[in-house]
Amino acid sequence: MSTDAVKRTLRQDLLRVRSGLTGDDVAVAAEQLARRALALPELADAGTVAAYVSVGAEPGTRALLDALRARGARVLLPVLLPDNDLDWAAYRGPDSLIPAGRGMREPDGERLGPDAVLDADAVLLPGLAVDRRGLRLGRGGGSYDRVLARLAAAGAHPSLLVLLHDGELLDAVPAEAHDRPVQAAVTPSGVTRFPAGAAL
């Protein structure tokens, strides 16, 4: 079976488990995730954080976005472009989020360009799973692969962090040459660090 096929099957399995979570499950997990993430030194010291707006049963980010902003961090949120690349805009609070199709929400402010992520001290990456090497399994659209490639090409080294539900830290995920490790995965139960993720 090809790497793509293995990834596709694993994504389906993980999404099936997430679809079984209740609204209460997601809300409780989001509160725990925010508390754990805010205790990370990578976020405590970050002037600019590139994050994302969670949707559906994804690990919740809303409370974390507001807490980071309240701390004085500049929070950048993605705007999906037609080619699946990401533009960025500053988060100005929950009332500034507008519908963006497919259940997603995006900031309504000035578009800062795809290179705005280069200013981030920390990047919160969405993911379905992370393995013991720090390799992330995304949804397969390639948007964040482009972000990571852009960071690497510019020699930028922000902290790379992934929020997950419990049970989404796996022994191994299928990997390809372009996959890059993250520094840490945050779950409601704790934080797992990956020393190999220290460099892009």
C-alpha atoms as a PDB file:
ATOM      1  CA  MET A   1       0.000   0.000   0.000  1.00  0.00           C
ATOM      2  CA  SER A   2       1.366   3.449  -0.922  1.00  0.00           C
ATOM      3  CA  THR A   3       2.167   6.081   1.703  1.00  0.00           C
ATOM      4  CA  ASP A   4      -0.736   8.175   0.403  1.00  0.00           C
ATOM      5  CA  ALA A   5      -3.142   5.259   0.805  1.00  0.00           C
ATOM      6  CA  VAL A   6      -1.911   4.528   4.330  1.00  0.00           C
ATOM      7  CA  LYS A   7      -2.309   8.203   5.254  1.00  0.00           C
ATOM      8  CA  ARG A   8      -5.796   8.300   3.761  1.00  0.00           C
ATOM      9  CA  THR A   9      -6.897   5.236   5.758  1.00  0.00           C
ATOM     10  CA  LEU A  10      -5.399   6.574   8.978  1.00  0.00           C
ATOM     11  CA  ARG A  11      -7.077   9.953   8.449  1.00  0.00           C
ATOM     12  CA  GLN A  12     -10.439   8.238   7.981  1.00  0.00           C
ATOM     13  CA  ASP A  13      -9.964   6.248  11.188  1.00  0.00           C
ATOM     14  CA  LEU A  14      -8.976   9.319  13.209  1.00  0.00           C
ATOM     15  CA  LEU A  15     -11.815  11.433  11.819  1.00  0.00           C
ATOM     16  CA  ARG A  16     -14.281   8.642  12.638  1.00  0.00           C
ATOM     17  CA  VAL A  17     -13.167   8.719  16.282  1.00  0.00           C
ATOM     18  CA  ARG A  18     -13.431  12.516  16.373  1.00  0.00           C
ATOM     19  CA  SER A  19     -16.922  12.362  14.907  1.00  0.00           C
ATOM     20  CA  GLY A  20     -17.982  10.375  17.961  1.00  0.00           C
ATOM     21  CA  LEU A  21     -17.046  13.187  20.352  1.00  0.00           C
ATOM     22  CA  THR A  22     -19.922  15.163  21.841  1.00  0.00           C
ATOM     23  CA  GLY A  23     -20.033  18.938  22.063  1.00  0.00           C
ATOM     24  CA  ASP A  24     -19.357  18.615  25.782  1.00  0.00           C
ATOM     25  CA  ASP A  25     -16.309  16.389  25.102  1.00  0.00           C
ATOM     26  CA  VAL A  26     -14.880  19.005  22.754  1.00  0.00           C
ATOM     27  CA  ALA A  27     -15.627  21.902  25.124  1.00  0.00           C
ATOM     28  CA  VAL A  28     -14.002  20.217  28.136  1.00  0.00           C
ATOM     29  CA  ALA A  29     -10.960  19.233  26.060  1.00  0.00           C
ATOM     30  CA  ALA A  30     -10.625  22.802  24.723  1.00  0.00           C
ATOM     31  CA  GLU A  31     -10.538  24.214  28.240  1.00  0.00           C
ATOM     32  CA  GLN A  32      -7.853  21.728  29.288  1.00  0.00           C
ATOM     33  CA  LEU A  33      -5.861  22.324  26.098  1.00  0.00           C
ATOM     34  CA  ALA A  34      -5.897  26.087  26.614  1.00  0.00           C
ATOM     35  CA  ARG A  35      -4.668  25.730  30.198  1.00  0.00           C
ATOM     36  CA  ARG A  36      -1.819  23.388  29.197  1.00  0.00           C
ATOM     37  CA  ALA A  37      -0.818  25.388  26.121  1.00  0.00           C
ATOM     38  CA  LEU A  38      -0.754  28.699  28.007  1.00  0.00           C
ATOM     39  CA  ALA A  39       1.734  27.176  30.469  1.00  0.00           C
ATOM     40  CA  LEU A  40       4.213  26.429  27.671  1.00  0.00           C
ATOM     41  CA  PRO A  41       7.265  28.706  27.708  1.00  0.00           C
ATOM     42  CA  GLU A  42       7.084  28.848  23.902  1.00  0.00           C
ATOM     43  CA  LEU A  43       3.751  30.647  24.161  1.00  0.00           C
ATOM     44  CA  ALA A  44       4.477  32.588  27.343  1.00  0.00           C
ATOM     45  CA  ASP A  45       7.381  34.343  25.616  1.00  0.00           C
ATOM     46  CA  ALA A  46       5.822  34.672  22.147  1.00  0.00           C
ATOM     47  CA  GLY A  47       5.164  38.144  20.782  1.00  0.00           C
ATOM     48  CA  THR A  48       3.480  36.755  17.660  1.00  0.00           C
ATOM     49  CA  VAL A  49       1.635  33.427  17.439  1.00  0.00           C
ATOM     50  CA  ALA A  50       0.313  31.971  14.188  1.00  0.00           C
ATOM     51  CA  ALA A  51      -2.704  29.875  15.136  1.00  0.00           C
ATOM     52  CA  TYR A  52      -5.989  28.710  13.596  1.00  0.00           C
ATOM     53  CA  VAL A  53      -9.699  28.669  14.329  1.00  0.00           C
ATOM     54  CA  SER A  54     -10.843  25.163  15.236  1.00  0.00           C
ATOM     55  CA  VAL A  55     -13.976  23.764  13.626  1.00  0.00           C
ATOM     56  CA  GLY A  56     -16.263  20.881  14.522  1.00  0.00           C
ATOM     57  CA  ALA A  57     -14.596  18.215  16.636  1.00  0.00           C
ATOM     58  CA  GLU A  58     -11.077  19.588  16.162  1.00  0.00           C
ATOM     59  CA  PRO A  59      -9.214  20.277  19.405  1.00  0.00           C
ATOM     60  CA  GLY A  60     -10.679  23.640  20.389  1.00  0.00           C
ATOM     61  CA  THR A  61      -8.630  26.812  19.978  1.00  0.00           C
ATOM     62  CA  ARG A  62     -11.122  29.607  20.718  1.00  0.00           C
ATOM     63  CA  ALA A  63     -10.315  30.024  24.428  1.00  0.00           C
ATOM     64  CA  LEU A  64      -6.604  29.826  23.672  1.00  0.00           C
ATOM     65  CA  LEU A  65      -6.821  32.513  20.964  1.00  0.00           C
ATOM     66  CA  ASP A  66      -8.580  34.894  23.347  1.00  0.00           C
ATOM     67  CA  ALA A  67      -6.159  34.184  26.194  1.00  0.00           C
ATOM     68  CA  LEU A  68      -3.126  34.779  23.973  1.00  0.00           C
ATOM     69  CA  ARG A  69      -4.599  38.047  22.733  1.00  0.00           C
ATOM     70  CA  ALA A  70      -5.423  39.105  26.312  1.00  0.00           C
ATOM     71  CA  ARG A  71      -1.780  38.471  27.222  1.00  0.00           C
ATOM     72  CA  GLY A  72      -0.733  40.946  24.557  1.00  0.00           C
ATOM     73  CA  ALA A  73       0.424  38.472  21.920  1.00  0.00           C
ATOM     74  CA  ARG A  74      -0.258  39.308  18.291  1.00  0.00           C
ATOM     75  CA  VAL A  75      -2.286  36.362  17.000  1.00  0.00           C
ATOM     76  CA  LEU A  76      -2.274  35.627  13.269  1.00  0.00           C
ATOM     77  CA  LEU A  77      -4.993  33.456  11.769  1.00  0.00           C
ATOM     78  CA  PRO A  78      -5.017  31.796   8.361  1.00  0.00           C
ATOM     79  CA  VAL A  79      -7.098  32.756   5.364  1.00  0.00           C
ATOM     80  CA  LEU A  80      -7.347  29.890   2.866  1.00  0.00           C
ATOM     81  CA  LEU A  81      -6.434  30.936  -0.675  1.00  0.00           C
ATOM     82  CA  PRO A  82      -7.897  29.306  -3.818  1.00  0.00           C
ATOM     83  CA  ASP A  83      -4.674  27.304  -4.376  1.00  0.00           C
ATOM     84  CA  ASN A  84      -4.757  25.969  -0.752  1.00  0.00           C
ATOM     85  CA  ASP A  85      -1.901  28.237   0.336  1.00  0.00           C
ATOM     86  CA  LEU A  86      -2.496  30.403   3.402  1.00  0.00           C
ATOM     87  CA  ASP A  87      -2.664  34.162   3.740  1.00  0.00           C
ATOM     88  CA  TRP A  88      -2.773  35.618   7.268  1.00  0.00           C
ATOM     89  CA  ALA A  89      -4.666  38.314   9.157  1.00  0.00           C
ATOM     90  CA  ALA A  90      -4.536  39.532  12.755  1.00  0.00           C
ATOM     91  CA  TYR A  91      -7.121  38.202  15.195  1.00  0.00           C
ATOM     92  CA  ARG A  92      -9.124  41.039  16.771  1.00  0.00           C
ATOM     93  CA  GLY A  93     -11.499  38.990  18.900  1.00  0.00           C
ATOM     94  CA  PRO A  94     -14.368  36.543  18.341  1.00  0.00           C
ATOM     95  CA  ASP A  95     -16.581  39.172  16.704  1.00  0.00           C
ATOM     96  CA  SER A  96     -13.984  39.643  13.958  1.00  0.00           C
ATOM     97  CA  LEU A  97     -14.378  36.063  12.668  1.00  0.00           C
ATOM     98  CA  ILE A  98     -16.480  35.647   9.534  1.00  0.00           C
ATOM     99  CA  PRO A  99     -17.780  32.539   7.729  1.00  0.00           C
ATOM    100  CA  ALA A 100     -15.340  31.237   5.134  1.00  0.00           C
ATOM    101  CA  GLY A 101     -17.080  28.171   3.712  1.00  0.00           C
ATOM    102  CA  ARG A 102     -16.865  24.490   4.695  1.00  0.00           C
ATOM    103  CA  GLY A 103     -17.723  25.478   8.268  1.00  0.00           C
ATOM    104  CA  MET A 104     -14.513  27.454   8.643  1.00  0.00           C
ATOM    105  CA  ARG A 105     -14.150  30.956  10.039  1.00  0.00           C
ATOM    106  CA  GLU A 106     -11.463  33.485   9.231  1.00  0.00           C
ATOM    107  CA  PRO A 107     -10.484  36.951  10.449  1.00  0.00           C
ATOM    108  CA  ASP A 108     -12.072  39.889   8.667  1.00  0.00           C
ATOM    109  CA  GLY A 109      -9.065  42.217   8.852  1.00  0.00           C
ATOM    110  CA  GLU A 110      -6.338  43.257   6.447  1.00  0.00           C
ATOM    111  CA  ARG A 111      -4.636  40.412   4.584  1.00  0.00           C
ATOM    112  CA  LEU A 112      -0.951  40.407   5.454  1.00  0.00           C
ATOM    113  CA  GLY A 113       0.323  37.959   2.817  1.00  0.00           C
ATOM    114  CA  PRO A 114       1.612  34.373   3.052  1.00  0.00           C
ATOM    115  CA  ASP A 115       4.997  35.560   4.368  1.00  0.00           C
ATOM    116  CA  ALA A 116       3.428  37.101   7.499  1.00  0.00           C
ATOM    117  CA  VAL A 117       3.924  33.736   9.206  1.00  0.00           C
ATOM    118  CA  LEU A 118       7.674  34.381   9.094  1.00  0.00           C
ATOM    119  CA  ASP A 119       7.193  36.860  11.969  1.00  0.00           C
ATOM    120  CA  ALA A 120       5.744  34.198  14.273  1.00  0.00           C
ATOM    121  CA  ASP A 121       7.618  33.131  17.395  1.00  0.00           C
ATOM    122  CA  ALA A 122       5.347  30.082  17.641  1.00  0.00           C
ATOM    123  CA  VAL A 123       3.084  28.319  15.152  1.00  0.00           C
ATOM    124  CA  LEU A 124       0.111  26.223  16.247  1.00  0.00           C
ATOM    125  CA  LEU A 125      -0.441  23.599  13.572  1.00  0.00           C
ATOM    126  CA  PRO A 126      -3.675  21.665  13.153  1.00  0.00           C
ATOM    127  CA  GLY A 127      -3.244  17.920  12.984  1.00  0.00           C
ATOM    128  CA  LEU A 128      -5.020  14.608  13.278  1.00  0.00           C
ATOM    129  CA  ALA A 129      -2.106  12.869  14.989  1.00  0.00           C
ATOM    130  CA  VAL A 130       1.561  13.200  15.894  1.00  0.00           C
ATOM    131  CA  ASP A 131       3.957  10.310  16.302  1.00  0.00           C
ATOM    132  CA  ARG A 132       6.804   9.699  18.738  1.00  0.00           C
ATOM    133  CA  ARG A 133       9.252  11.366  16.322  1.00  0.00           C
ATOM    134  CA  GLY A 134       7.193  14.556  16.320  1.00  0.00           C
ATOM    135  CA  LEU A 135       5.893  13.997  12.795  1.00  0.00           C
ATOM    136  CA  ARG A 136       2.387  15.361  12.212  1.00  0.00           C
ATOM    137  CA  LEU A 137      -0.418  13.885  10.163  1.00  0.00           C
ATOM    138  CA  GLY A 138      -2.533  16.693   8.713  1.00  0.00           C
ATOM    139  CA  ARG A 139      -5.802  16.549   6.801  1.00  0.00           C
ATOM    140  CA  GLY A 140      -4.051  16.167   3.464  1.00  0.00           C
ATOM    141  CA  GLY A 141      -4.691  19.565   1.873  1.00  0.00           C
ATOM    142  CA  GLY A 142      -1.019  20.549   1.972  1.00  0.00           C
ATOM    143  CA  SER A 143      -1.629  24.079   3.288  1.00  0.00           C
ATOM    144  CA  TYR A 144       0.584  23.670   6.326  1.00  0.00           C
ATOM    145  CA  ASP A 145       3.234  21.773   4.379  1.00  0.00           C
ATOM    146  CA  ARG A 146       3.578  25.018   2.404  1.00  0.00           C
ATOM    147  CA  VAL A 147       3.781  27.030   5.604  1.00  0.00           C
ATOM    148  CA  LEU A 148       6.536  24.782   6.953  1.00  0.00           C
ATOM    149  CA  ALA A 149       8.413  24.905   3.649  1.00  0.00           C
ATOM    150  CA  ARG A 150       8.144  28.721   3.644  1.00  0.00           C
ATOM    151  CA  LEU A 151       9.568  28.884   7.174  1.00  0.00           C
ATOM    152  CA  ALA A 152      12.435  26.564   6.249  1.00  0.00           C
ATOM    153  CA  ALA A 153      13.264  28.484   3.053  1.00  0.00           C
ATOM    154  CA  ALA A 154      13.428  31.741   5.020  1.00  0.00           C
ATOM    155  CA  GLY A 155      15.570  30.239   7.783  1.00  0.00           C
ATOM    156  CA  ALA A 156      12.819  30.994  10.315  1.00  0.00           C
ATOM    157  CA  HIS A 157      12.664  28.749  13.388  1.00  0.00           C
ATOM    158  CA  PRO A 158       9.465  29.378  15.361  1.00  0.00           C
ATOM    159  CA  SER A 159       8.316  26.830  17.899  1.00  0.00           C
ATOM    160  CA  LEU A 160       6.015  24.325  16.168  1.00  0.00           C
ATOM    161  CA  LEU A 161       3.196  23.027  18.344  1.00  0.00           C
ATOM    162  CA  VAL A 162       0.198  20.764  17.669  1.00  0.00           C
ATOM    163  CA  LEU A 163      -3.029  20.516  19.676  1.00  0.00           C
ATOM    164  CA  LEU A 164      -4.539  17.016  19.817  1.00  0.00           C
ATOM    165  CA  HIS A 165      -7.221  15.042  21.568  1.00  0.00           C
ATOM    166  CA  ASP A 166      -6.103  12.289  23.909  1.00  0.00           C
ATOM    167  CA  GLY A 167      -5.443   9.128  21.907  1.00  0.00           C
ATOM    168  CA  GLU A 168      -4.028  10.985  18.886  1.00  0.00           C
ATOM    169  CA  LEU A 169      -0.400  10.625  19.902  1.00  0.00           C
ATOM    170  CA  LEU A 170       0.641   7.527  17.939  1.00  0.00           C
ATOM    171  CA  ASP A 171       3.750   5.367  17.768  1.00  0.00           C
ATOM    172  CA  ALA A 172       4.210   6.177  14.071  1.00  0.00           C
ATOM    173  CA  VAL A 173       2.464   8.014  11.249  1.00  0.00           C
ATOM    174  CA  PRO A 174       3.358   7.542   7.584  1.00  0.00           C
ATOM    175  CA  ALA A 175       6.001  10.104   6.651  1.00  0.00           C
ATOM    176  CA  GLU A 176       7.426  11.580   3.476  1.00  0.00           C
ATOM    177  CA  ALA A 177      10.645  13.478   2.810  1.00  0.00           C
ATOM    178  CA  HIS A 178       8.970  16.896   3.105  1.00  0.00           C
ATOM    179  CA  ASP A 179       7.404  16.171   6.513  1.00  0.00           C
ATOM    180  CA  ARG A 180       8.936  18.204   9.329  1.00  0.00           C
ATOM    181  CA  PRO A 181       8.886  17.414  13.050  1.00  0.00           C
ATOM    182  CA  VAL A 182       7.238  19.628  15.642  1.00  0.00           C
ATOM    183  CA  GLN A 183       8.611  20.515  19.063  1.00  0.00           C
ATOM    184  CA  ALA A 184       5.590  19.503  21.110  1.00  0.00           C
ATOM    185  CA  ALA A 185       2.105  18.035  21.060  1.00  0.00           C
ATOM    186  CA  VAL A 186      -0.419  19.281  23.602  1.00  0.00           C
ATOM    187  CA  THR A 187      -3.316  17.041  24.666  1.00  0.00           C
ATOM    188  CA  PRO A 188      -5.837  17.503  27.483  1.00  0.00           C
ATOM    189  CA  SER A 189      -3.765  15.018  29.500  1.00  0.00           C
ATOM    190  CA  GLY A 190      -0.365  16.612  29.033  1.00  0.00           C
ATOM    191  CA  VAL A 191       2.471  17.868  26.865  1.00  0.00           C
ATOM    192  CA  THR A 192       4.795  15.595  24.901  1.00  0.00           C
ATOM    193  CA  ARG A 193       8.062  17.069  23.653  1.00  0.00           C
ATOM    194  CA  PHE A 194      10.111  15.915  20.677  1.00  0.00           C
ATOM    195  CA  PRO A 195      13.801  16.879  20.804  1.00  0.00           C
ATOM    196  CA  ALA A 196      14.206  16.092  17.089  1.00  0.00           C
ATOM    197  CA  GLY A 197      11.749  18.883  16.323  1.00  0.00           C
ATOM    198  CA  ALA A 198      14.213  21.521  17.468  1.00  0.00           C
ATOM    199  CA  ALA A 199      15.231  22.387  13.921  1.00  0.00           C
ATOM    200  CA  LEU A 200      13.441  22.597  10.606  1.00  0.00           C
END
